[in-house]
Protein backbone atom coordinates (compact mmCIF):
# COMPACT_ATOMS: atom_id res chain seq x y z
CA MET A 1 -48.22 0.85 59.72
CA SER A 2 -51.70 0.48 61.60
CA ARG A 3 -52.31 -2.31 64.05
CA ILE A 4 -55.09 -3.82 61.95
CA ARG A 5 -52.77 -3.99 58.84
CA TYR A 6 -49.93 -5.44 60.94
CA GLU A 7 -52.27 -8.17 62.31
CA MET A 8 -53.57 -8.98 58.74
CA ILE A 9 -49.87 -9.55 57.67
CA LEU A 10 -49.31 -11.97 60.62
CA ILE A 11 -52.47 -13.89 59.78
CA SER A 12 -51.45 -14.13 56.14
CA ALA A 13 -48.02 -15.34 57.08
CA PHE A 14 -49.65 -17.98 59.39
CA ILE A 15 -51.87 -19.27 56.66
CA ILE A 16 -48.89 -19.66 54.21
CA ILE A 17 -47.14 -21.68 56.84
CA LEU A 18 -50.20 -23.90 57.32
CA MET A 19 -50.41 -24.45 53.56
CA THR A 20 -46.81 -25.47 53.39
CA PHE A 21 -47.33 -28.10 56.07
CA ALA A 22 -50.38 -29.26 54.59
CA GLY A 23 -48.60 -29.87 51.36
CA CYS A 24 -45.95 -31.89 53.13
CA SER A 25 -48.45 -33.93 54.97
CA GLU A 26 -50.30 -34.71 51.55
CA GLU A 27 -46.85 -35.97 50.14
CA THR A 28 -46.61 -38.28 53.14
CA ILE A 29 -50.16 -39.64 52.64
CA THR A 30 -49.66 -40.20 48.94
CA ALA A 31 -46.35 -42.25 49.45
CA GLU A 32 -46.12 -45.64 47.84
CA PRO A 33 -48.32 -48.00 49.92
CA PHE A 34 -46.93 -51.16 51.63
CA VAL A 35 -47.50 -54.27 49.56
CA ASP A 36 -47.32 -57.67 51.49
CA HIS A 37 -45.63 -60.16 49.23
CA THR A 38 -45.58 -63.10 51.72
CA GLY A 39 -45.71 -66.41 50.11
CA GLU A 40 -45.29 -65.21 46.46
CA THR A 41 -42.91 -67.46 44.56
CA GLY A 42 -41.07 -67.07 41.25
CA THR A 43 -37.66 -67.35 39.58
CA VAL A 44 -34.84 -65.08 38.54
CA THR A 45 -31.95 -65.82 36.17
CA ASP A 46 -28.43 -64.50 36.44
CA ILE A 47 -25.92 -63.65 33.62
CA ASP A 48 -24.54 -67.11 33.76
CA GLY A 49 -27.92 -68.72 33.31
CA ASN A 50 -28.38 -69.85 36.93
CA VAL A 51 -32.04 -69.87 37.89
CA TYR A 52 -32.93 -69.18 41.44
CA THR A 53 -36.22 -69.66 43.14
CA THR A 54 -37.59 -66.45 44.86
CA ILE A 55 -39.95 -65.91 47.82
CA GLY A 56 -41.89 -63.02 49.06
CA ILE A 57 -41.45 -62.10 52.72
CA GLY A 58 -43.42 -59.19 54.02
CA GLY A 59 -42.82 -56.21 51.73
CA GLN A 60 -39.78 -57.73 50.13
CA ILE A 61 -39.00 -60.45 47.56
CA TRP A 62 -35.77 -62.42 48.19
CA MET A 63 -33.80 -65.14 46.40
CA ALA A 64 -34.55 -68.46 48.27
CA GLU A 65 -31.03 -69.58 47.23
CA ASN A 66 -27.47 -68.28 47.65
CA LEU A 67 -25.96 -66.63 44.55
CA LYS A 68 -23.72 -68.69 42.33
CA VAL A 69 -22.78 -66.10 39.55
CA THR A 70 -19.25 -65.77 38.35
CA ARG A 71 -19.71 -62.70 36.24
CA TYR A 72 -20.92 -59.16 36.75
CA ARG A 73 -23.88 -57.80 34.79
CA ASN A 74 -21.57 -56.39 32.10
CA GLY A 75 -19.98 -59.86 31.51
CA ASP A 76 -16.66 -59.08 33.44
CA GLU A 77 -15.42 -62.13 35.33
CA ILE A 78 -15.22 -62.21 39.24
CA PRO A 79 -11.80 -63.75 39.64
CA GLU A 80 -11.73 -67.12 41.28
CA VAL A 81 -9.16 -67.10 43.94
CA GLN A 82 -8.15 -70.67 45.43
CA ASP A 83 -4.68 -69.98 46.77
CA TYR A 84 -4.81 -69.25 50.45
CA LEU A 85 -1.99 -66.63 50.42
CA ALA A 86 -3.67 -64.97 47.33
CA TRP A 87 -6.88 -64.74 49.12
CA TYR A 88 -5.37 -63.18 52.19
CA ALA A 89 -3.69 -60.54 49.94
CA LEU A 90 -6.80 -59.57 48.10
CA THR A 91 -7.87 -55.94 47.94
CA THR A 92 -9.98 -56.52 44.76
CA PRO A 93 -13.08 -58.71 44.02
CA GLY A 94 -12.70 -62.39 44.51
CA ARG A 95 -14.91 -65.56 44.69
CA CYS A 96 -14.39 -69.27 45.56
CA SER A 97 -16.20 -72.52 46.43
CA TYR A 98 -15.99 -73.85 49.91
CA ASN A 99 -12.87 -75.90 50.25
CA ASN A 100 -12.19 -75.02 46.56
CA ASP A 101 -14.57 -77.75 45.60
CA PRO A 102 -17.05 -76.80 42.85
CA ALA A 103 -19.51 -79.31 44.06
CA ASN A 104 -20.03 -77.21 47.26
CA SER A 105 -21.16 -74.23 45.11
CA VAL A 106 -23.88 -76.32 43.45
CA THR A 107 -25.61 -76.61 46.94
CA PHE A 108 -24.40 -73.57 48.89
CA GLY A 109 -23.62 -70.92 46.21
CA GLN A 110 -20.27 -69.22 45.52
CA MET A 111 -18.32 -67.47 48.30
CA TYR A 112 -17.39 -63.79 47.69
CA ASN A 113 -15.27 -61.10 49.57
CA TRP A 114 -17.04 -57.85 50.28
CA GLN A 115 -15.17 -56.12 47.34
CA ALA A 116 -17.01 -58.51 44.88
CA VAL A 117 -20.42 -57.91 46.23
CA SER A 118 -20.19 -54.10 46.61
CA ASP A 119 -18.55 -53.58 43.19
CA THR A 120 -20.26 -50.96 41.01
CA ARG A 121 -20.62 -53.39 38.06
CA LYS A 122 -23.20 -55.26 40.13
CA ILE A 123 -23.19 -58.93 41.11
CA SER A 124 -26.98 -59.21 41.29
CA PRO A 125 -29.23 -60.01 38.36
CA GLU A 126 -31.01 -57.25 36.52
CA GLY A 127 -33.97 -55.88 38.64
CA TRP A 128 -32.35 -57.04 41.87
CA HIS A 129 -29.67 -55.74 44.19
CA MET A 130 -27.44 -56.67 47.17
CA PRO A 131 -29.29 -55.89 50.44
CA SER A 132 -28.37 -53.29 52.94
CA ASP A 133 -28.34 -53.98 56.60
CA ASP A 134 -31.73 -52.08 56.88
CA GLU A 135 -33.22 -54.50 54.35
CA TRP A 136 -31.81 -57.51 56.26
CA ASP A 137 -33.22 -56.03 59.47
CA ALA A 138 -36.67 -55.63 57.82
CA LEU A 139 -36.61 -59.33 56.89
CA ILE A 140 -35.51 -60.33 60.37
CA ASN A 141 -38.12 -58.12 62.18
CA TRP A 142 -40.87 -59.54 59.82
CA VAL A 143 -40.14 -63.07 61.04
CA GLY A 144 -39.99 -62.51 64.68
CA GLY A 145 -36.86 -60.36 65.40
CA PRO A 146 -33.24 -61.21 65.88
CA ASP A 147 -33.76 -63.48 68.96
CA SER A 148 -35.88 -65.93 67.03
CA ALA A 149 -35.65 -65.24 63.29
CA GLY A 150 -33.67 -68.19 62.57
CA VAL A 151 -36.64 -70.49 63.23
CA LYS A 152 -38.43 -69.31 60.10
CA LEU A 153 -35.39 -68.61 58.03
CA LYS A 154 -33.34 -71.69 58.29
CA GLU A 155 -33.96 -74.82 56.11
CA THR A 156 -35.46 -77.72 58.04
CA GLY A 157 -33.95 -81.05 58.81
CA PHE A 158 -30.36 -82.44 58.69
CA VAL A 159 -29.61 -82.87 54.94
CA HIS A 160 -27.45 -79.79 55.13
CA TRP A 161 -27.66 -78.48 58.67
CA ALA A 162 -25.81 -80.36 61.37
CA ALA A 163 -27.92 -81.35 64.43
CA PRO A 164 -29.76 -80.01 66.39
CA ASN A 165 -30.56 -77.29 63.76
CA GLU A 166 -32.34 -75.66 66.68
CA GLY A 167 -35.92 -74.71 66.01
CA ALA A 168 -35.88 -74.63 62.27
CA SER A 169 -39.31 -74.54 60.55
CA ASN A 170 -38.40 -72.50 57.32
CA GLU A 171 -41.93 -71.02 57.54
CA SER A 172 -40.81 -68.08 55.49
CA GLY A 173 -39.38 -70.01 52.59
CA PHE A 174 -36.08 -68.27 52.81
CA THR A 175 -34.19 -71.64 53.20
CA ALA A 176 -31.00 -70.33 54.81
CA LEU A 177 -28.19 -72.87 54.42
CA PRO A 178 -25.07 -73.49 56.52
CA GLY A 179 -22.35 -72.89 53.94
CA GLY A 180 -19.61 -71.89 56.41
CA TRP A 181 -17.16 -69.25 55.64
CA ARG A 182 -13.64 -68.46 54.45
CA ILE A 183 -11.65 -66.29 56.86
CA ASN A 184 -9.24 -63.61 55.67
CA MET A 185 -6.29 -65.99 56.06
CA GLY A 186 -7.81 -68.30 53.43
CA ASN A 187 -8.88 -71.15 55.59
CA PHE A 188 -12.44 -72.61 55.46
CA TYR A 189 -14.61 -73.31 58.50
CA ASP A 190 -18.06 -74.25 59.79
CA LEU A 191 -19.66 -76.00 56.79
CA THR A 192 -23.00 -77.40 58.02
CA THR A 193 -23.02 -75.60 61.21
CA ARG A 194 -23.02 -71.87 60.20
CA GLY A 195 -24.17 -69.57 57.38
CA TYR A 196 -23.07 -66.07 56.71
CA TRP A 197 -24.38 -63.47 54.21
CA TRP A 198 -22.88 -60.12 53.20
CA THR A 199 -24.79 -56.69 53.04
CA ILE A 200 -23.46 -53.80 51.09
CA SER A 201 -23.43 -51.67 54.33
CA ASN A 202 -20.32 -50.53 56.20
CA ASP A 203 -21.71 -47.53 58.07
CA TYR A 204 -19.68 -46.60 61.25
CA LEU A 205 -17.23 -49.54 60.75
CA PRO A 206 -13.50 -49.29 60.22
CA SER A 207 -12.57 -49.24 56.48
CA SER A 208 -11.46 -52.94 56.64
CA MET A 209 -14.97 -54.13 57.72
CA ALA A 210 -18.56 -54.41 56.54
CA THR A 211 -21.88 -55.71 57.93
CA ALA A 212 -22.98 -59.28 57.49
CA TYR A 213 -25.47 -61.63 59.18
CA GLY A 214 -25.15 -65.13 60.63
CA MET A 215 -27.20 -68.07 61.49
CA TYR A 216 -26.18 -71.22 63.55
CA ASN A 217 -27.21 -74.90 63.87
CA ASP A 218 -27.35 -74.62 67.64
CA SER A 219 -29.31 -71.34 67.89
CA VAL A 220 -32.58 -69.68 66.57
CA LYS A 221 -30.90 -66.23 66.64
CA VAL A 222 -29.83 -64.24 63.61
CA GLU A 223 -26.85 -62.01 64.54
CA ASP A 224 -25.65 -58.91 62.78
CA LEU A 225 -21.86 -58.95 62.58
CA ALA A 226 -19.05 -56.69 61.63
CA ILE A 227 -16.83 -58.80 59.37
CA ILE A 228 -13.40 -58.32 57.79
CA ARG A 229 -13.94 -57.64 54.08
CA ASN A 230 -11.47 -60.25 53.04
CA PHE A 231 -13.70 -63.07 54.46
CA GLY A 232 -15.54 -65.20 51.97
CA LEU A 233 -19.20 -65.20 52.68
CA TYR A 234 -22.49 -65.79 50.75
CA ALA A 235 -24.91 -63.43 48.98
CA ARG A 236 -28.71 -63.24 48.82
CA CYS A 237 -30.26 -60.61 46.46
CA VAL A 238 -33.48 -58.76 47.01
CA LYS A 239 -35.82 -57.49 44.31
CA ASP A 240 -35.66 -53.71 43.37
């Protein structure tokens, strides 16, 4: 093979490689553009007929209330588990009201174990989904980062939050409430002082745990937490 022919083959190969990278670059450029939904309001209705207000925050649209649904999308019941020992023994989906008082669910929503929110029958309304930890992180970073996000996410005042409700402005419209939690032993704690929300993420965690986020009456921080799946926490859904 002559030197000229050999060099022409190398040049042709180089051109093909450049065209391949150019194609990849074009795909990146034509990716779906970011849309800022900040301040957009609306509603969404679950299978039980509960109507929730919604709020746009950055590139996402969130429920501005905690989920209250008692059934999956297909109509299957999410079992209500009031008994403390039964809650402790759960390995399947379960829900409850704080202190087993339905009046608390009117304000704060239903509490669910992780098995309930991660079930493939889907706890979220059609067109919505349970958020991942990445989606929670995107929300938190949009409103200032984990060290101060509680300022813009927590409901203002002391109707639901106990004093001092540190820094709360609810500028985002997310209206986080302090519904407390139910620990794996079945006891209820921290109504009015703490709020906790599940994600569907459990990456790099033991099989008994999943990722959740917490907000507090005496702090502006939002913390990511590894929580035992048998805890009862709240759920917020984000639009597909």
